[in-house]
């Protein structure tokens, strides 16, 4: 099995998104509202960001939210993202 790139299992939650994306703004607001320490990769600024997000998810949809355990969500609902954050905090 090939080794995953470092960005596929980040040290902290990483969100790939763009300001023009309404789902990205919604997920970012949820993370910010909960005071989550996360890295935001702005796909309009970070040249290789879109390639990284696609390599992780296999899709071009955003946002892509990656957790340190290697799990990720593509276009998560607030309920999905909130449940994962709750489970991560409880672990």
N, C-alpha and C. Protein backbone atom coordinates (compact mmCIF):
# COMPACT_ATOMS: atom_id res chain seq x y z
N UNK A 1 0.84 -1.18 0.00
CA UNK A 1 0.00 0.00 0.00
C UNK A 1 0.89 1.24 0.00
N UNK A 2 0.66 2.18 -0.93
CA UNK A 2 1.50 3.35 -0.99
C UNK A 2 1.30 4.24 0.24
N UNK A 3 2.36 4.88 0.64
CA UNK A 3 2.30 5.77 1.79
C UNK A 3 1.53 7.03 1.41
N UNK A 4 0.66 7.48 2.31
CA UNK A 4 -0.11 8.68 2.03
C UNK A 4 0.77 9.91 2.21
N UNK A 5 0.52 10.95 1.41
CA UNK A 5 1.28 12.18 1.60
C UNK A 5 0.98 12.79 2.96
N UNK A 6 1.91 13.55 3.47
CA UNK A 6 1.79 14.16 4.79
C UNK A 6 0.51 14.98 4.94
N UNK A 7 0.10 15.68 3.88
CA UNK A 7 -1.09 16.52 3.98
C UNK A 7 -2.38 15.70 4.09
N UNK A 8 -2.33 14.39 3.85
CA UNK A 8 -3.52 13.54 3.96
C UNK A 8 -3.80 13.14 5.41
N UNK A 9 -2.82 13.29 6.28
CA UNK A 9 -3.00 13.03 7.72
C UNK A 9 -2.34 14.19 8.48
N UNK A 10 -2.98 15.35 8.48
CA UNK A 10 -2.38 16.53 9.09
C UNK A 10 -2.31 16.43 10.62
N UNK A 11 -1.47 17.29 11.21
CA UNK A 11 -1.36 17.34 12.67
C UNK A 11 -2.62 17.92 13.31
N UNK A 12 -3.33 18.73 12.57
CA UNK A 12 -4.59 19.30 13.06
C UNK A 12 -5.58 19.32 11.90
N UNK A 13 -6.82 19.61 12.19
CA UNK A 13 -7.84 19.65 11.16
C UNK A 13 -7.42 20.65 10.08
N UNK A 14 -7.59 20.25 8.84
CA UNK A 14 -7.27 21.12 7.71
C UNK A 14 -8.48 21.21 6.80
N UNK A 15 -8.83 22.43 6.43
CA UNK A 15 -9.96 22.64 5.53
C UNK A 15 -9.47 23.29 4.25
N UNK A 16 -9.81 22.68 3.12
CA UNK A 16 -9.51 23.24 1.81
C UNK A 16 -10.78 23.90 1.30
N UNK A 17 -10.70 25.18 0.95
CA UNK A 17 -11.88 25.88 0.51
C UNK A 17 -11.56 27.16 -0.24
N UNK A 18 -12.61 27.91 -0.56
CA UNK A 18 -12.47 29.17 -1.27
C UNK A 18 -13.59 30.11 -0.82
N UNK A 19 -13.31 31.41 -0.87
CA UNK A 19 -14.27 32.41 -0.40
C UNK A 19 -15.56 32.40 -1.23
N UNK A 20 -15.48 32.06 -2.50
CA UNK A 20 -16.66 32.08 -3.36
C UNK A 20 -17.59 30.89 -3.14
N UNK A 21 -17.16 29.93 -2.35
CA UNK A 21 -17.90 28.68 -2.13
C UNK A 21 -18.79 28.81 -0.89
N UNK A 22 -20.10 28.76 -1.07
CA UNK A 22 -21.02 28.92 0.07
C UNK A 22 -20.90 27.78 1.08
N UNK A 23 -20.69 26.56 0.62
CA UNK A 23 -20.50 25.44 1.55
C UNK A 23 -19.22 25.62 2.36
N UNK A 24 -18.19 26.18 1.72
CA UNK A 24 -16.93 26.44 2.43
C UNK A 24 -17.15 27.48 3.52
N UNK A 25 -17.85 28.55 3.19
CA UNK A 25 -18.13 29.60 4.19
C UNK A 25 -18.93 29.04 5.35
N UNK A 26 -19.88 28.17 5.07
CA UNK A 26 -20.70 27.57 6.12
C UNK A 26 -19.87 26.68 7.03
N UNK A 27 -19.06 25.80 6.44
CA UNK A 27 -18.21 24.91 7.25
C UNK A 27 -17.18 25.70 8.04
N UNK A 28 -16.61 26.73 7.43
CA UNK A 28 -15.63 27.58 8.11
C UNK A 28 -16.28 28.28 9.30
N UNK A 29 -17.51 28.76 9.11
CA UNK A 29 -18.23 29.43 10.20
C UNK A 29 -18.49 28.46 11.35
N UNK A 30 -18.80 27.21 11.04
CA UNK A 30 -19.02 26.21 12.10
C UNK A 30 -17.73 25.97 12.87
N UNK A 31 -16.62 25.78 12.16
CA UNK A 31 -15.34 25.56 12.83
C UNK A 31 -14.96 26.77 13.68
N UNK A 32 -15.11 27.96 13.11
CA UNK A 32 -14.79 29.18 13.86
C UNK A 32 -15.70 29.34 15.07
N UNK A 33 -16.98 29.07 14.89
CA UNK A 33 -17.95 29.21 15.97
C UNK A 33 -17.69 28.27 17.14
N UNK A 34 -17.09 27.14 16.85
CA UNK A 34 -16.75 26.17 17.91
C UNK A 34 -15.35 26.39 18.46
N UNK A 35 -14.65 27.37 17.91
CA UNK A 35 -13.30 27.66 18.39
C UNK A 35 -12.29 26.58 18.05
N UNK A 36 -12.51 25.88 16.94
CA UNK A 36 -11.64 24.79 16.53
C UNK A 36 -10.31 25.34 16.01
N UNK A 37 -9.21 24.74 16.45
CA UNK A 37 -7.88 25.07 15.93
C UNK A 37 -7.70 24.28 14.64
N UNK A 38 -7.70 24.97 13.52
CA UNK A 38 -7.59 24.29 12.24
C UNK A 38 -6.79 25.14 11.26
N UNK A 39 -6.32 24.50 10.23
CA UNK A 39 -5.61 25.21 9.16
C UNK A 39 -6.58 25.38 8.00
N UNK A 40 -6.65 26.60 7.48
CA UNK A 40 -7.49 26.87 6.31
C UNK A 40 -6.59 27.04 5.10
N UNK A 41 -6.79 26.22 4.09
CA UNK A 41 -6.02 26.31 2.86
C UNK A 41 -6.92 26.97 1.82
N UNK A 42 -6.64 28.23 1.51
CA UNK A 42 -7.42 29.00 0.55
C UNK A 42 -6.98 28.60 -0.86
N UNK A 43 -7.87 27.97 -1.59
CA UNK A 43 -7.52 27.46 -2.91
C UNK A 43 -7.26 28.56 -3.92
N UNK A 44 -7.66 29.79 -3.60
CA UNK A 44 -7.37 30.91 -4.49
C UNK A 44 -5.97 31.47 -4.24
N UNK A 45 -5.35 31.08 -3.13
CA UNK A 45 -4.04 31.60 -2.76
C UNK A 45 -2.96 30.53 -2.86
N UNK A 46 -3.26 29.34 -2.37
CA UNK A 46 -2.28 28.25 -2.34
C UNK A 46 -2.36 27.48 -3.67
N UNK A 47 -1.34 27.65 -4.49
CA UNK A 47 -1.34 27.11 -5.85
C UNK A 47 -1.64 25.62 -5.90
N UNK A 48 -0.99 24.83 -5.05
CA UNK A 48 -1.16 23.37 -5.09
C UNK A 48 -2.32 22.89 -4.21
N UNK A 49 -3.04 23.80 -3.59
CA UNK A 49 -4.13 23.43 -2.69
C UNK A 49 -5.21 22.59 -3.35
N UNK A 50 -5.63 22.98 -4.54
CA UNK A 50 -6.69 22.23 -5.23
C UNK A 50 -6.21 20.82 -5.58
N UNK A 51 -4.95 20.71 -5.98
CA UNK A 51 -4.40 19.38 -6.29
C UNK A 51 -4.35 18.51 -5.04
N UNK A 52 -3.99 19.10 -3.91
CA UNK A 52 -3.96 18.35 -2.64
C UNK A 52 -5.36 17.86 -2.28
N UNK A 53 -6.34 18.78 -2.35
CA UNK A 53 -7.71 18.43 -1.99
C UNK A 53 -8.22 17.29 -2.88
N UNK A 54 -7.93 17.37 -4.17
CA UNK A 54 -8.38 16.32 -5.10
C UNK A 54 -7.66 15.01 -4.82
N UNK A 55 -6.36 15.07 -4.47
CA UNK A 55 -5.61 13.85 -4.16
C UNK A 55 -6.18 13.16 -2.93
N UNK A 56 -6.65 13.93 -1.98
CA UNK A 56 -7.23 13.37 -0.75
C UNK A 56 -8.60 12.76 -1.02
N UNK A 57 -9.46 13.52 -1.69
CA UNK A 57 -10.86 13.11 -1.82
C UNK A 57 -11.18 12.38 -3.12
N UNK A 58 -10.34 12.54 -4.14
CA UNK A 58 -10.65 11.95 -5.43
C UNK A 58 -11.69 12.73 -6.20
N UNK A 59 -12.05 13.90 -5.68
CA UNK A 59 -13.09 14.73 -6.29
C UNK A 59 -12.60 16.17 -6.36
N UNK A 60 -13.32 16.98 -7.12
CA UNK A 60 -12.98 18.39 -7.21
C UNK A 60 -13.91 19.26 -6.38
N UNK A 61 -14.85 18.66 -5.68
CA UNK A 61 -15.79 19.41 -4.85
C UNK A 61 -15.08 19.94 -3.60
N UNK A 62 -15.54 21.09 -3.12
CA UNK A 62 -15.03 21.66 -1.87
C UNK A 62 -16.21 22.13 -1.04
N UNK A 63 -16.04 22.26 0.26
CA UNK A 63 -14.80 22.10 1.00
C UNK A 63 -14.43 20.63 1.21
N UNK A 64 -13.14 20.44 1.44
CA UNK A 64 -12.61 19.15 1.90
C UNK A 64 -12.06 19.42 3.29
N UNK A 65 -12.58 18.72 4.28
CA UNK A 65 -12.14 18.88 5.66
C UNK A 65 -11.45 17.58 6.07
N UNK A 66 -10.16 17.69 6.40
CA UNK A 66 -9.33 16.52 6.70
C UNK A 66 -9.00 16.51 8.19
N UNK A 67 -9.14 15.35 8.81
CA UNK A 67 -8.86 15.19 10.24
C UNK A 67 -7.54 14.46 10.44
N UNK A 68 -6.90 14.66 11.59
CA UNK A 68 -5.61 14.01 11.86
C UNK A 68 -5.64 12.49 11.76
N UNK A 69 -6.81 11.88 11.94
CA UNK A 69 -6.89 10.42 11.84
C UNK A 69 -6.97 9.93 10.39
N UNK A 70 -6.91 10.88 9.44
CA UNK A 70 -6.93 10.52 8.03
C UNK A 70 -8.32 10.51 7.41
N UNK A 71 -9.36 10.65 8.23
CA UNK A 71 -10.70 10.72 7.67
C UNK A 71 -10.91 12.11 7.08
N UNK A 72 -11.83 12.19 6.14
CA UNK A 72 -12.12 13.49 5.52
C UNK A 72 -13.59 13.54 5.11
N UNK A 73 -14.07 14.75 4.98
CA UNK A 73 -15.42 15.00 4.50
C UNK A 73 -15.34 15.92 3.30
N UNK A 74 -16.19 15.68 2.31
CA UNK A 74 -16.32 16.55 1.16
C UNK A 74 -17.72 17.14 1.22
N UNK A 75 -17.81 18.45 1.21
CA UNK A 75 -19.09 19.16 1.31
C UNK A 75 -19.93 18.64 2.48
N UNK A 76 -19.37 18.61 3.69
CA UNK A 76 -20.14 18.07 4.81
C UNK A 76 -21.29 18.98 5.22
N UNK A 77 -22.36 18.38 5.70
CA UNK A 77 -23.42 19.17 6.30
C UNK A 77 -22.93 19.61 7.68
N UNK A 78 -23.59 20.60 8.25
CA UNK A 78 -23.22 21.03 9.60
C UNK A 78 -23.38 19.88 10.59
N UNK A 79 -24.40 19.06 10.40
CA UNK A 79 -24.64 17.93 11.30
C UNK A 79 -23.50 16.92 11.21
N UNK A 80 -23.06 16.60 10.00
CA UNK A 80 -21.95 15.65 9.82
C UNK A 80 -20.66 16.17 10.43
N UNK A 81 -20.35 17.43 10.13
CA UNK A 81 -19.12 18.01 10.63
C UNK A 81 -19.16 18.15 12.15
N UNK A 82 -20.31 18.58 12.67
CA UNK A 82 -20.46 18.70 14.12
C UNK A 82 -20.32 17.37 14.83
N UNK A 83 -20.91 16.32 14.27
CA UNK A 83 -20.81 14.99 14.89
C UNK A 83 -19.36 14.51 14.91
N UNK A 84 -18.63 14.75 13.83
CA UNK A 84 -17.22 14.34 13.79
C UNK A 84 -16.40 15.14 14.81
N UNK A 85 -16.67 16.42 14.92
CA UNK A 85 -15.97 17.24 15.91
C UNK A 85 -16.27 16.76 17.32
N UNK A 86 -17.53 16.42 17.58
CA UNK A 86 -17.91 15.89 18.90
C UNK A 86 -17.19 14.58 19.19
N UNK A 87 -17.15 13.69 18.20
CA UNK A 87 -16.49 12.40 18.37
C UNK A 87 -14.99 12.57 18.58
N UNK A 88 -14.40 13.51 17.87
CA UNK A 88 -12.96 13.77 17.99
C UNK A 88 -12.64 14.33 19.37
N UNK A 89 -13.49 15.23 19.86
CA UNK A 89 -13.27 15.84 21.17
C UNK A 89 -13.43 14.81 22.29
N UNK A 90 -14.32 13.83 22.08
CA UNK A 90 -14.58 12.82 23.10
C UNK A 90 -13.49 11.74 23.14
N UNK A 91 -12.75 11.62 22.06
CA UNK A 91 -11.72 10.57 21.98
C UNK A 91 -10.49 10.88 22.82
